[in-house]
Protein backbone atom coordinates (compact mmCIF):
# COMPACT_ATOMS: atom_id res chain seq x y z
CA MET A 1 118.54 199.20 -186.02
CA ASN A 2 117.78 202.87 -186.66
CA LEU A 3 114.53 204.14 -188.17
CA ASN A 4 115.40 207.77 -187.71
CA GLN A 5 118.13 209.43 -189.76
CA GLN A 6 118.70 212.06 -187.07
CA GLU A 7 122.06 212.21 -185.28
CA PRO A 8 122.50 209.11 -183.09
CA ILE A 9 122.75 209.69 -179.36
CA ILE A 10 123.06 206.03 -178.29
CA GLU A 11 124.79 203.32 -180.34
CA ILE A 12 124.90 199.70 -179.17
CA HIS A 13 126.79 196.94 -180.98
CA GLY A 14 126.73 193.24 -180.08
CA LEU A 15 125.85 193.79 -176.41
CA THR A 16 125.63 190.58 -174.36
CA PHE A 17 125.24 190.31 -170.58
CA ARG A 18 124.78 187.53 -168.04
CA TYR A 19 124.19 187.98 -164.30
CA PRO A 20 126.50 186.10 -161.90
CA GLY A 21 125.32 182.54 -161.30
CA ALA A 22 122.81 182.64 -164.16
CA THR A 23 122.86 179.91 -166.81
CA ASP A 24 121.53 182.08 -169.65
CA ASP A 25 122.37 185.48 -171.09
CA VAL A 26 119.77 188.11 -170.23
CA LEU A 27 120.94 190.23 -173.20
CA ARG A 28 122.00 188.46 -176.39
CA ASP A 29 123.93 190.23 -179.13
CA VAL A 30 121.86 193.43 -178.92
CA SER A 31 122.55 196.09 -181.56
CA LEU A 32 120.59 199.33 -181.58
CA THR A 33 120.86 202.99 -182.56
CA ILE A 34 118.66 205.59 -180.86
CA ALA A 35 118.34 208.95 -182.57
CA ARG A 36 118.63 212.21 -180.68
CA GLY A 37 115.19 213.55 -179.85
CA ASP A 38 113.32 210.26 -180.23
CA PHE A 39 110.55 209.10 -177.88
CA ILE A 40 111.04 205.35 -177.79
CA ALA A 41 109.04 202.75 -175.87
CA ILE A 42 110.62 199.40 -174.99
CA ALA A 43 108.12 196.55 -174.69
CA GLY A 44 108.40 192.84 -174.00
CA GLY A 45 107.30 190.21 -171.53
CA ASN A 46 108.53 189.98 -167.95
CA GLY A 47 112.15 188.79 -168.04
CA SER A 48 112.79 189.79 -171.66
CA GLY A 49 115.72 192.06 -170.72
CA LYS A 50 114.12 195.51 -170.91
CA SER A 51 115.35 196.87 -167.58
CA THR A 52 118.74 195.22 -167.99
CA LEU A 53 119.23 196.95 -171.35
CA CYS A 54 118.34 200.34 -169.89
CA LYS A 55 120.67 199.88 -166.92
CA CYS A 56 123.51 199.56 -169.40
CA LEU A 57 122.81 203.04 -170.75
CA ASN A 58 124.06 204.93 -167.68
CA GLY A 59 126.73 202.44 -166.68
CA LEU A 60 124.89 200.70 -163.82
CA ILE A 61 125.70 197.59 -165.84
CA PRO A 62 128.50 196.52 -165.66
CA ASN A 63 129.89 199.00 -163.08
CA TYR A 64 127.34 198.40 -160.30
CA TYR A 65 125.54 195.23 -161.40
CA VAL A 66 128.50 193.07 -162.36
CA GLY A 67 128.44 190.07 -164.66
CA ASP A 68 129.72 188.76 -167.98
CA PHE A 69 129.60 191.78 -170.29
CA SER A 70 130.66 192.06 -173.92
CA GLY A 71 129.96 194.38 -176.84
CA SER A 72 130.23 198.14 -177.21
CA LEU A 73 128.09 201.09 -176.18
CA LEU A 74 128.53 204.70 -177.30
CA ILE A 75 126.82 207.64 -175.60
CA ASN A 76 127.10 210.90 -177.55
CA GLY A 77 129.79 209.20 -179.61
CA ALA A 78 132.02 208.36 -176.62
CA PRO A 79 132.63 204.78 -175.43
CA ALA A 80 130.63 204.15 -172.26
CA HIS A 81 133.22 201.75 -170.84
CA GLU A 82 135.69 204.64 -170.60
CA GLN A 83 133.29 206.62 -168.38
CA THR A 84 132.07 206.22 -164.81
CA VAL A 85 128.47 205.89 -163.68
CA SER A 86 128.87 209.40 -162.29
CA SER A 87 129.81 210.92 -165.65
CA LEU A 88 127.25 208.89 -167.62
CA SER A 89 124.46 209.92 -165.25
CA ARG A 90 124.92 213.54 -166.30
CA GLN A 91 124.01 212.46 -169.84
CA VAL A 92 121.52 209.65 -169.18
CA ALA A 93 119.09 210.11 -166.28
CA TYR A 94 117.24 207.08 -164.91
CA VAL A 95 113.94 207.08 -163.00
CA PHE A 96 113.44 203.64 -161.51
CA GLN A 97 110.19 201.73 -161.37
CA ASP A 98 110.40 201.85 -157.57
CA PHE A 99 110.95 205.60 -157.70
CA GLU A 100 110.48 206.19 -153.97
CA ASN A 101 113.87 204.56 -153.34
CA GLN A 102 115.46 207.42 -155.32
CA LEU A 103 114.13 210.08 -152.96
CA VAL A 104 116.89 210.69 -150.42
CA ARG A 105 116.24 214.24 -149.13
CA PRO A 106 113.50 215.39 -146.75
CA SER A 107 111.89 218.14 -148.85
CA VAL A 108 110.94 218.62 -152.49
CA TYR A 109 113.38 221.50 -152.98
CA ASP A 110 116.25 219.60 -151.32
CA GLU A 111 115.59 216.60 -153.55
CA ALA A 112 115.55 218.69 -156.73
CA CYS A 113 118.87 220.31 -155.77
CA PHE A 114 120.59 217.19 -154.45
CA ALA A 115 122.13 215.82 -157.67
CA PRO A 116 123.74 219.09 -158.89
CA LEU A 117 124.87 219.85 -155.32
CA ASN A 118 126.43 216.39 -155.11
CA TYR A 119 128.28 217.04 -158.38
CA GLY A 120 129.61 220.34 -157.05
CA TYR A 121 127.75 222.69 -159.38
CA ALA A 122 127.85 226.24 -158.01
CA ASP A 123 124.41 226.94 -159.51
CA TYR A 124 122.77 223.90 -157.90
CA ARG A 125 119.92 226.01 -156.51
CA GLU A 126 119.08 227.42 -159.94
CA ARG A 127 119.23 223.93 -161.46
CA GLY A 128 116.84 222.57 -158.84
CA GLU A 129 114.45 225.50 -159.27
CA ARG A 130 114.50 225.08 -163.05
CA ALA A 131 113.71 221.36 -162.82
CA LEU A 132 110.75 222.07 -160.53
CA GLN A 133 109.55 224.80 -162.87
CA LEU A 134 109.77 222.58 -165.97
CA LEU A 135 107.58 219.96 -164.29
CA GLY A 136 105.12 222.39 -162.72
CA LEU A 137 106.17 221.53 -159.16
CA THR A 138 107.01 224.97 -157.77
CA HIS A 139 103.85 224.93 -155.62
CA LEU A 140 105.26 221.85 -153.83
CA ARG A 141 108.70 223.38 -153.30
CA ASP A 142 108.56 223.48 -149.50
CA LYS A 143 106.60 220.26 -148.95
CA TRP A 144 108.06 217.28 -147.12
CA ILE A 145 108.49 214.22 -149.32
CA TRP A 146 106.35 212.03 -147.08
CA GLU A 147 103.44 214.47 -147.43
CA LEU A 148 103.19 213.84 -151.19
CA SER A 149 100.98 211.46 -153.12
CA GLY A 150 102.50 208.70 -155.22
CA GLY A 151 102.10 210.72 -158.39
CA GLN A 152 103.75 213.76 -156.85
CA LYS A 153 106.67 211.66 -155.59
CA HIS A 154 107.15 210.25 -159.08
CA MET A 155 107.31 213.78 -160.47
CA VAL A 156 109.85 214.80 -157.82
CA ALA A 157 112.03 211.79 -158.72
CA LEU A 158 111.85 212.96 -162.34
CA ALA A 159 112.80 216.49 -161.24
CA GLY A 160 115.84 215.15 -159.41
CA ALA A 161 116.95 213.38 -162.59
CA LEU A 162 116.20 216.43 -164.74
CA SER A 163 118.24 218.78 -162.55
CA LEU A 164 121.47 217.60 -164.21
CA ASP A 165 120.04 218.64 -167.61
CA PRO A 166 120.65 215.20 -169.19
CA ASP A 167 120.33 214.51 -172.90
CA VAL A 168 118.46 211.25 -172.31
CA ILE A 169 115.80 210.40 -169.72
CA VAL A 170 114.98 206.74 -169.06
CA VAL A 171 111.78 205.99 -167.10
CA ASP A 172 111.11 202.40 -166.04
CA GLU A 173 107.37 201.61 -165.96
CA PRO A 174 106.07 205.19 -165.59
CA VAL A 175 102.49 204.13 -164.79
CA ALA A 176 103.04 200.98 -162.70
CA GLN A 177 102.17 202.51 -159.31
CA LEU A 178 100.02 205.45 -160.40
CA ASP A 179 96.34 206.12 -160.91
CA PRO A 180 95.31 206.91 -164.51
CA PHE A 181 95.25 210.68 -163.96
CA HIS A 182 98.78 210.87 -162.55
CA ALA A 183 100.02 208.37 -165.15
CA ARG A 184 98.90 210.70 -167.93
CA LEU A 185 100.36 213.67 -166.09
CA ILE A 186 103.78 211.97 -166.07
CA TYR A 187 103.51 211.21 -169.78
CA ASP A 188 102.35 214.74 -170.59
CA LYS A 189 105.48 216.11 -168.90
CA LEU A 190 107.68 213.61 -170.76
CA ARG A 191 106.10 214.75 -174.03
CA ILE A 192 106.91 218.40 -173.23
CA LEU A 193 110.49 217.49 -172.34
CA ASN A 194 110.75 215.66 -175.66
CA GLU A 195 108.98 218.06 -178.02
CA VAL A 196 109.83 221.42 -176.44
CA HIS A 197 113.20 220.81 -174.78
CA GLY A 198 114.61 218.21 -177.17
CA LYS A 199 115.21 215.47 -174.60
CA THR A 200 115.47 211.89 -175.82
CA ILE A 201 112.90 209.87 -173.88
CA ILE A 202 113.12 206.11 -173.33
CA VAL A 203 110.31 204.37 -171.43
CA ILE A 204 109.84 200.75 -170.46
CA GLU A 205 106.12 200.16 -170.82
CA HIS A 206 103.59 197.31 -170.70
CA HIS A 207 100.60 199.54 -171.43
CA THR A 208 100.35 199.90 -175.20
CA GLU A 209 97.67 202.58 -174.92
CA PHE A 210 100.33 204.97 -173.58
CA ILE A 211 102.83 203.85 -176.21
CA ALA A 212 100.29 204.65 -178.93
CA GLU A 213 99.47 208.09 -177.59
CA TYR A 214 102.93 209.35 -176.67
CA GLY A 215 105.64 207.32 -178.40
CA ASN A 216 107.30 207.74 -181.79
CA THR A 217 109.15 204.43 -181.95
CA MET A 218 108.57 201.04 -180.35
CA LEU A 219 111.24 198.43 -179.63
CA LEU A 220 110.12 194.84 -179.01
CA MET A 221 112.33 192.56 -176.90
CA ASP A 222 112.09 188.79 -176.69
CA ARG A 223 114.33 186.63 -174.48
CA GLY A 224 117.17 189.11 -174.44
CA ARG A 225 117.10 189.97 -178.15
CA ILE A 226 115.58 192.83 -180.11
CA ARG A 227 112.92 191.36 -182.37
CA TRP A 228 112.28 194.63 -184.19
CA VAL A 229 112.15 198.41 -183.99
CA LYS A 230 109.22 200.09 -185.78
CA PRO A 231 107.19 203.30 -185.88
CA VAL A 232 104.52 203.08 -183.18
CA ARG A 233 101.43 202.66 -185.36
CA GLU A 234 103.04 199.99 -187.51
CA ALA A 235 104.38 198.25 -184.40
CA LEU A 236 101.02 198.12 -182.65
CA ASN A 237 99.41 196.71 -185.79
CA ALA A 238 101.73 193.67 -185.58
CA ILE A 239 98.96 191.97 -183.63
CA SER A 240 100.08 188.37 -184.15
CA GLU A 241 103.67 189.05 -183.11
CA LEU A 242 102.58 191.01 -180.06
CA GLY A 243 100.23 188.19 -179.11
CA GLU A 244 103.04 185.65 -179.31
CA LEU A 245 104.85 187.61 -176.60
CA HIS A 246 101.68 188.19 -174.55
CA ILE A 247 101.59 191.90 -175.30
CA GLU A 248 98.12 193.30 -175.82
CA PRO A 249 97.69 195.95 -178.53
CA PRO A 250 95.47 198.93 -177.66
CA GLN A 251 91.87 197.81 -177.29
CA VAL A 252 90.77 200.04 -180.17
CA THR A 253 93.29 198.29 -182.42
CA GLU A 254 92.13 194.86 -181.34
CA ALA A 255 88.48 195.85 -181.77
CA PHE A 256 88.81 197.04 -185.37
CA HIS A 257 91.06 194.09 -186.21
CA ARG A 258 88.38 191.66 -185.01
CA LEU A 259 85.61 193.68 -186.62
CA ARG A 260 87.36 193.55 -189.97
CA GLU A 261 88.04 189.81 -189.60
CA ARG A 262 84.36 189.19 -188.89
CA THR A 263 82.94 191.39 -191.62
CA THR A 264 85.47 191.50 -194.48
CA PRO A 265 86.31 188.41 -196.53
CA THR A 266 90.04 187.72 -196.80
CA THR A 267 91.90 185.65 -199.34
CA GLN A 268 95.20 183.87 -199.15
CA ASP A 269 96.44 186.07 -201.98
CA SER A 270 96.00 189.32 -200.07
CA PRO A 271 99.30 190.21 -198.38
CA ALA A 272 99.32 191.72 -194.91
CA SER A 273 101.08 194.79 -196.31
CA SER A 274 98.00 195.59 -198.42
CA ARG A 275 95.71 195.79 -195.40
CA PRO A 276 95.08 199.20 -193.82
CA LEU A 277 96.68 200.12 -190.52
CA TYR A 278 94.11 199.90 -187.75
CA PRO A 279 93.72 202.85 -185.37
CA VAL A 280 95.88 202.77 -182.26
CA THR A 281 94.38 205.78 -180.44
CA LEU A 282 90.84 206.87 -179.67
CA ALA A 283 91.25 209.89 -181.95
CA GLN A 284 92.09 207.61 -184.86
CA ALA A 285 89.24 205.28 -183.86
CA ALA A 286 86.77 208.17 -184.12
CA ASP A 287 87.61 208.55 -187.82
CA TRP A 288 87.04 204.83 -188.38
CA LEU A 289 83.68 204.98 -186.62
CA ASP A 290 82.65 207.85 -188.87
CA ASP A 291 83.73 205.90 -191.96
CA LEU A 292 81.63 202.95 -190.76
CA SER A 293 78.70 205.28 -189.97
CA LEU A 294 78.88 204.13 -186.37
CA GLY A 295 79.85 207.42 -184.74
CA LYS A 296 78.33 209.21 -181.81
CA ASP A 297 76.47 211.71 -184.01
CA ARG A 298 74.03 208.93 -184.83
CA TYR A 299 73.86 207.25 -181.44
CA GLN A 300 74.02 209.22 -178.23
CA PRO A 301 74.54 207.49 -174.86
CA ASP A 302 72.40 208.61 -171.94
CA HIS A 303 74.55 210.20 -169.24
CA SER A 304 71.66 212.11 -167.69
CA ASN A 305 72.37 210.67 -164.26
CA SER A 306 76.16 210.66 -164.37
CA GLY A 307 77.07 214.33 -164.37
CA ASP A 308 76.82 215.12 -160.69
CA ASP A 309 79.84 216.78 -159.14
CA VAL A 310 81.74 214.49 -156.80
CA SER A 311 81.63 217.14 -154.13
CA SER A 312 77.83 216.89 -154.07
CA ARG A 313 78.23 213.25 -153.06
CA ASP A 314 80.46 213.92 -150.08
CA LYS A 315 77.78 213.12 -147.53
CA GLN A 316 76.28 210.02 -149.09
CA THR A 317 77.16 206.52 -150.23
CA HIS A 318 75.63 205.32 -153.49
CA GLU A 319 74.58 201.72 -153.04
CA LEU A 320 74.39 198.99 -155.63
CA PRO A 321 71.35 198.86 -157.92
CA GLN A 322 68.72 196.56 -156.43
CA GLU A 323 69.01 193.99 -159.22
CA ALA A 324 72.77 193.73 -158.69
CA ASP A 325 72.60 193.70 -154.91
CA SER A 326 71.19 190.32 -153.92
CA ARG A 327 72.40 190.61 -150.33
CA SER A 328 69.47 188.92 -148.62
CA GLY A 329 70.80 186.03 -146.59
CA ARG A 330 74.43 187.04 -147.07
CA GLN A 331 76.53 187.60 -144.01
CA PRO A 332 78.04 191.06 -143.46
CA LEU A 333 81.75 190.55 -142.77
CA VAL A 334 83.03 194.14 -142.53
CA ARG A 335 81.20 197.21 -141.28
CA PHE A 336 82.47 200.81 -141.17
CA GLU A 337 80.41 203.19 -139.03
CA GLN A 338 81.28 206.90 -139.32
CA VAL A 339 84.99 206.05 -139.55
CA THR A 340 87.52 208.88 -139.67
CA TYR A 341 91.28 208.47 -139.87
CA GLY A 342 94.19 210.82 -140.58
CA TYR A 343 97.95 211.21 -140.35
CA LYS A 344 99.85 213.91 -138.46
CA ASP A 345 101.96 216.35 -140.45
CA MET A 346 105.11 218.19 -139.33
CA ALA A 347 102.99 220.81 -137.59
CA ARG A 348 101.42 217.93 -135.61
CA THR A 349 98.01 218.67 -137.05
CA THR A 350 96.01 215.73 -138.38
CA ALA A 351 95.39 215.63 -142.12
CA PRO A 352 92.25 213.51 -142.65
CA VAL A 353 92.49 210.60 -145.10
CA LEU A 354 89.10 209.00 -144.40
CA ARG A 355 86.14 211.18 -143.48
CA GLY A 356 83.06 209.67 -141.84
CA VAL A 357 82.99 206.51 -143.95
CA ASN A 358 79.95 204.21 -143.72
CA LEU A 359 80.32 200.93 -145.56
CA THR A 360 79.27 197.29 -145.26
CA LEU A 361 81.02 194.45 -147.09
CA TYR A 362 79.32 191.09 -147.52
CA GLU A 363 80.17 187.45 -147.95
CA GLY A 364 80.56 186.72 -151.68
CA ASP A 365 81.65 190.25 -152.62
CA ARG A 366 84.45 190.59 -155.17
CA ILE A 367 85.29 194.21 -154.50
CA ALA A 368 87.46 196.53 -156.56
CA LEU A 369 88.47 199.54 -154.50
CA ILE A 370 89.41 202.34 -156.88
CA GLY A 371 90.37 206.01 -156.64
CA ASN A 372 93.32 208.25 -157.32
CA ASN A 373 96.55 208.22 -155.30
CA GLY A 374 95.79 209.49 -151.81
CA ALA A 375 92.04 208.76 -151.98
CA GLY A 376 92.19 206.51 -148.90
CA LYS A 377 92.15 203.01 -150.43
CA SER A 378 95.22 201.63 -148.66
CA THR A 379 94.19 203.24 -145.37
CA LEU A 380 90.77 201.60 -145.59
CA MET A 381 92.40 198.19 -146.08
CA ARG A 382 94.81 198.76 -143.19
CA LEU A 383 91.80 199.50 -140.98
CA ILE A 384 90.17 196.22 -142.04
CA SER A 385 93.37 194.30 -141.27
CA GLY A 386 93.71 195.97 -137.87
CA ILE A 387 97.11 197.46 -138.69
CA ARG A 388 95.46 200.86 -138.10
CA LYS A 389 92.70 201.68 -135.64
CA PRO A 390 89.96 204.25 -136.40
CA GLN A 391 90.39 207.61 -134.70
CA GLN A 392 86.64 208.14 -134.77
CA GLY A 393 83.83 205.69 -135.45
CA ARG A 394 83.95 201.91 -135.42
CA VAL A 395 85.22 199.13 -137.69
CA THR A 396 83.81 195.64 -137.16
CA VAL A 397 85.42 192.66 -138.89
CA CYS A 398 83.88 189.18 -138.64
CA GLY A 399 82.00 190.26 -135.52
CA GLN A 400 85.07 191.73 -133.80
CA ILE A 401 85.52 195.43 -133.10
CA THR A 402 89.03 196.08 -134.40
CA ARG A 403 89.86 198.60 -131.70
CA ALA A 404 89.57 195.79 -129.14
CA VAL A 405 91.71 193.14 -130.86
CA SER A 406 95.26 192.94 -132.16
CA PRO A 407 96.26 192.56 -135.82
CA GLU A 408 97.58 189.09 -134.92
CA GLU A 409 94.13 188.04 -133.71
CA LEU A 410 92.47 189.50 -136.80
CA SER A 411 94.88 187.61 -139.05
CA ASP A 412 92.89 184.46 -138.31
CA ASP A 413 90.17 186.01 -140.47
CA VAL A 414 91.99 188.56 -142.66
CA ALA A 415 94.99 188.14 -144.97
CA PHE A 416 96.62 191.31 -146.33
CA ILE A 417 98.76 190.88 -149.47
CA PHE A 418 101.07 193.89 -149.84
CA GLN A 419 101.66 195.85 -153.04
CA ASN A 420 105.37 194.99 -153.01
CA PRO A 421 105.43 191.17 -153.08
CA GLU A 422 109.00 191.00 -151.77
CA GLU A 423 107.72 192.21 -148.39
CA MET A 424 105.82 188.91 -148.05
CA PHE A 425 108.91 186.70 -148.18
CA ILE A 426 110.68 186.02 -144.87
CA GLU A 427 112.10 182.52 -145.43
CA ASP A 428 114.61 181.18 -147.95
CA SER A 429 112.09 179.13 -149.94
CA ILE A 430 108.53 179.53 -151.15
CA ARG A 431 107.47 176.31 -149.45
CA LYS A 432 108.62 177.61 -146.05
CA ASP A 433 106.90 180.96 -146.64
CA VAL A 434 103.59 179.27 -147.46
CA GLU A 435 103.89 177.00 -144.40
CA TYR A 436 104.97 179.76 -142.04
CA PHE A 437 101.58 180.90 -140.70
CA LEU A 438 100.27 177.40 -140.01
CA LYS A 439 103.51 176.33 -138.33
CA ALA A 440 103.56 179.48 -136.21
CA ARG A 441 99.98 178.71 -135.10
CA ARG A 442 101.02 175.08 -134.42
CA ILE A 443 98.17 173.78 -136.53
CA PRO A 444 98.55 169.99 -136.91
CA ASP A 445 98.38 167.95 -140.12
CA TYR A 446 98.71 170.91 -142.46
CA GLU A 447 100.92 169.16 -145.04
CA ALA A 448 98.12 167.98 -147.34
CA PHE A 449 96.53 171.45 -147.29
CA ILE A 450 99.85 173.10 -148.20
CA GLU A 451 100.46 170.57 -150.95
CA ASP A 452 97.07 171.40 -152.47
CA ILE A 453 97.92 175.12 -152.42
CA MET A 454 101.31 174.57 -154.07
CA VAL A 455 99.63 172.62 -156.87
CA ARG A 456 96.71 175.03 -157.18
CA PHE A 457 99.05 178.00 -157.74
CA ARG A 458 101.52 176.07 -159.90
CA LEU A 459 104.37 176.49 -157.42
CA LYS A 460 105.56 172.89 -157.07
CA GLU A 461 108.52 173.36 -159.39
CA LEU A 462 109.43 176.59 -157.60
CA GLU A 463 108.89 175.53 -153.99
CA GLN A 464 112.59 175.53 -153.08
CA ARG A 465 113.25 178.91 -154.74
CA ASP A 466 113.77 182.09 -152.73
CA GLY A 467 110.71 184.25 -153.45
CA ARG A 468 112.81 187.40 -153.68
CA LEU A 469 114.65 185.98 -156.70
CA MET A 470 111.60 185.04 -158.77
CA SER A 471 109.90 186.96 -161.59
CA GLY A 472 107.08 189.40 -160.91
CA GLY A 473 104.35 187.00 -162.03
CA GLN A 474 105.79 184.14 -159.96
CA GLN A 475 106.04 186.41 -156.91
CA ARG A 476 102.37 187.38 -157.24
CA ARG A 477 101.35 183.71 -157.41
CA ALA A 478 103.42 182.96 -154.35
CA THR A 479 101.94 185.81 -152.29
CA LEU A 480 98.42 184.62 -153.09
CA ALA A 481 99.44 181.15 -151.91
CA ILE A 482 100.84 182.63 -148.68
CA GLY A 483 97.58 184.48 -148.12
CA LEU A 484 95.39 181.46 -148.87
CA ALA A 485 97.48 179.30 -146.51
CA MET A 486 96.29 181.56 -143.69
CA ARG A 487 92.77 180.22 -144.40
CA PRO A 488 91.18 183.68 -144.12
CA LYS A 489 87.57 184.66 -144.59
CA ILE A 490 88.69 187.98 -146.12
CA MET A 491 91.63 188.59 -148.43
CA LEU A 492 92.96 192.09 -149.11
CA LEU A 493 95.21 192.69 -152.12
CA ASP A 494 96.98 195.98 -152.82
CA GLU A 495 97.68 196.52 -156.56
CA PRO A 496 98.02 192.82 -157.46
CA THR A 497 98.58 193.46 -161.19
CA ALA A 498 101.11 196.32 -160.91
CA SER A 499 104.13 195.89 -163.23
CA LEU A 500 102.83 192.63 -164.73
CA ASP A 501 102.78 191.90 -168.44
CA LEU A 502 99.60 190.77 -170.20
CA ALA A 503 100.13 187.05 -169.58
CA SER A 504 100.79 187.60 -165.86
CA ARG A 505 97.81 189.98 -165.54
CA ARG A 506 95.49 187.40 -167.10
CA GLU A 507 96.95 184.75 -164.83
CA MET A 508 96.30 186.96 -161.81
CA THR A 509 92.64 187.37 -162.82
CA GLU A 510 92.31 183.58 -163.10
CA LEU A 511 93.95 183.11 -159.70
CA LEU A 512 91.57 185.60 -158.12
CA ASP A 513 88.69 183.53 -159.52
CA ARG A 514 90.19 180.42 -157.90
CA LEU A 515 90.01 182.04 -154.47
CA GLN A 516 86.21 181.97 -154.49
CA ASP A 517 85.85 178.44 -153.09
CA ARG A 518 88.25 179.14 -150.19
CA VAL A 519 87.81 182.85 -149.34
CA GLN A 520 84.46 184.45 -148.55
CA THR A 521 85.31 188.02 -149.62
CA VAL A 522 88.14 189.41 -151.75
CA ILE A 523 88.95 193.14 -151.75
CA VAL A 524 91.38 194.50 -154.33
CA ALA A 525 92.74 198.06 -154.34
CA THR A 526 93.74 198.74 -157.92
CA HIS A 527 94.39 201.26 -160.68
CA ASP A 528 93.92 198.53 -163.30
CA MET A 529 90.56 199.43 -164.81
CA GLN A 530 90.52 196.34 -167.01
CA LEU A 531 90.84 194.14 -163.92
CA VAL A 532 87.85 196.03 -162.52
CA ALA A 533 85.85 195.34 -165.69
CA ASP A 534 86.87 191.68 -165.93
CA TRP A 535 86.64 190.53 -162.33
CA ALA A 536 84.72 192.70 -159.85
CA ASN A 537 81.04 192.30 -158.99
CA ARG A 538 81.16 195.38 -156.79
CA VAL A 539 83.15 198.58 -157.32
CA ILE A 540 83.73 201.21 -154.64
CA VAL A 541 85.06 204.58 -155.80
CA MET A 542 87.00 206.51 -153.16
CA HIS A 543 87.45 210.27 -153.50
CA ASN A 544 88.62 212.81 -150.91
CA GLY A 545 88.47 210.18 -148.18
CA GLN A 546 84.84 209.23 -148.80
CA VAL A 547 82.86 206.68 -150.77
CA ALA A 548 81.82 208.59 -153.88
CA LEU A 549 80.17 205.63 -155.60
CA ASP A 550 79.29 202.04 -154.69
CA THR A 551 77.96 200.05 -157.63
CA ASP A 552 78.57 197.12 -159.97
CA GLY A 553 81.37 196.65 -162.49
CA ARG A 554 79.38 197.83 -165.51
CA THR A 555 77.43 200.73 -164.04
CA VAL A 556 80.58 202.38 -162.66
CA PHE A 557 81.85 202.99 -166.19
CA GLU A 558 78.63 204.74 -167.18
CA CYS A 559 79.54 207.49 -164.70
CA ALA A 560 82.28 209.07 -166.81
CA PRO A 561 82.16 212.62 -165.30
CA LEU A 562 82.41 211.26 -161.75
CA LEU A 563 85.30 208.98 -162.66
CA GLU A 564 87.11 211.87 -164.30
CA GLN A 565 86.73 214.04 -161.21
CA ALA A 566 88.01 211.15 -159.10
CA GLY A 567 91.14 210.94 -161.29
CA LEU A 568 90.10 207.69 -162.98
CA ILE A 569 89.93 206.77 -166.65
CA PRO A 570 87.77 203.85 -167.85
CA PRO A 571 89.29 201.12 -170.05
CA GLN A 572 89.75 202.15 -173.65
CA ILE A 573 87.01 199.78 -174.82
CA VAL A 574 84.51 201.52 -172.52
CA ARG A 575 85.45 204.92 -173.95
CA LEU A 576 85.11 203.52 -177.47
CA SER A 577 81.64 202.27 -176.50
CA HIS A 578 80.71 205.80 -175.49
CA MET A 579 82.03 207.14 -178.79
CA ALA A 580 79.95 204.59 -180.69
CA GLY A 581 76.88 205.51 -178.66
CA ILE A 582 76.47 202.05 -177.15
CA SER A 583 74.65 201.82 -173.84
CA PRO A 584 75.07 199.99 -171.55
CA VAL A 585 78.78 200.13 -172.22
CA CYS A 586 80.83 197.14 -173.33
CA LEU A 587 83.51 195.79 -171.00
CA THR A 588 85.39 193.57 -173.46
CA VAL A 589 86.59 193.84 -177.05
CA GLU A 590 84.52 190.83 -178.11
CA GLU A 591 81.39 192.33 -176.59
CA LEU A 592 81.87 195.61 -178.47
CA VAL A 593 82.51 193.87 -181.80
CA ALA A 594 79.38 191.76 -181.38
CA ARG A 595 77.28 194.83 -180.53
CA LEU A 596 78.59 196.78 -183.54
CA ILE A 597 77.88 193.88 -185.90
CA GLU A 598 74.43 193.34 -184.39
CA ARG A 599 73.55 197.01 -184.78
CA SER A 600 74.83 197.13 -188.34
CA CYS A 601 72.81 194.03 -189.24
CA LYS A 602 69.61 195.51 -187.83
CA GLU A 603 70.06 198.59 -190.00
CA GLU A 604 70.76 196.60 -193.15
CA THR A 605 68.14 193.87 -192.74
CA ALA A 606 65.84 195.66 -195.17
CA ILE A 607 68.30 195.16 -198.02
CA GLY A 608 69.29 191.63 -197.00
CA SER A 609 72.91 192.38 -196.16
CA CYS A 610 73.00 190.23 -193.00
């Protein structure tokens, strides 16, 4: 498959691969041609073969990850099987999803220079400097890696790959562990490398909004096969096919698709090819709003109270609106009183992460903790769990001052589910992992309780599987079961939807809802703004180590300037609501479509159109 008549840089013919011990092929007769200079996004559900395909491009498969391999692969016209991983890596750079594992040197400059130094290039310093310059990282040149935020580390990993001046750059899940601001920063740099420097960019991506804005071509994988390769706008308008594979088109595309279905009669004789392509970006959506006379020039949202600078909020916490804050009679479970915490740098000075935080969390709260990388979200949760102790101030959890009790004692009340689910698995089966806490506490007659949990989280068929060998969605289910088995009052989850496809993200939202009858308070640190919109009844925005905003799930998205300054971007449907002048904003596609139809009907009632 080749949509672009440019010179091919990668040619794949009949590629099939099976991992050792597996019963099915993970790649099945894959044939593909990628043109030099393309920006191609590979999409598909979890387990569809996306990462496996990309690991073939630089020889990791079959040279490092062995298995049954057949077919042919040409890179720059040369057979890949005749080259080593070392030689292929000079042509095809790979930035892994877990990019921190690629960082092997102590400083930014050392990391940027490491690959060309390792290859014996005499000009390794110049290559490292050039990579940092191309990505705008020269100001971080002398920083230690551990001092950087997640977004900065991702950029340094990209610089290390770029230092070999490869023809192709593969990035696996660029936005999985990043806040929206740093996610766009990564994509902006990839666009420059593509358009200005002629690099061929290949990304594995679940988020179709980024595919729409940055990609030229989209490849759809399904159970190890390529279903199709199409130009991005055409691909993202294949709404039915994407839905079959649990891939969500951009929200603007879905909104106008549903709006047209609800307002325009269709006939069986009208072929799909005759229908217009729906917008896939907000810029394209603006033109459609104007055509429908629904643009912002006619309807202006009121942001009169949302333009304050975040810095002006440094000394105060904005509480929930009274109507949304029915706290009377609810038990406070967590209280922060003037809490400060920081980490020591190489000069042994303390860099503050939390600054004088005052916060109370109540029974019944479903809290989304949001903010950019380095805002203090994970530190705040570690303080609640007792893993960290406040350096100033006091944290009280379920009536216990955390400074006076151990994390083991607090674990009777608090379960902390880590961002990397593999860190939660210590036994050789899911059943043993779920039972572990209760057995360690020597709690009698726990079998019926564990059985209920295994059924509740649909783990019965998987209970003898090693959690480290399961899919991402299955691992997330299992970690929730492990946490619930601890019978906590408070559950903390760090990025529970990271790297999940649409089906697994929806499943995670449903599972979070199921916790309500067993857990008194759930706190989620997340960059997933749609999860915030769909699930949270309370949203806390962290910025510069302080609580910049504490409100409900709808009001938070009315504060666009504050969110922008905090490095956050609302869901696309919220931004489309702003463009259409709808206030309060809509949180779902269906809600926006209903509001647009309702408004149109009110305007046309006089002529009997509705």
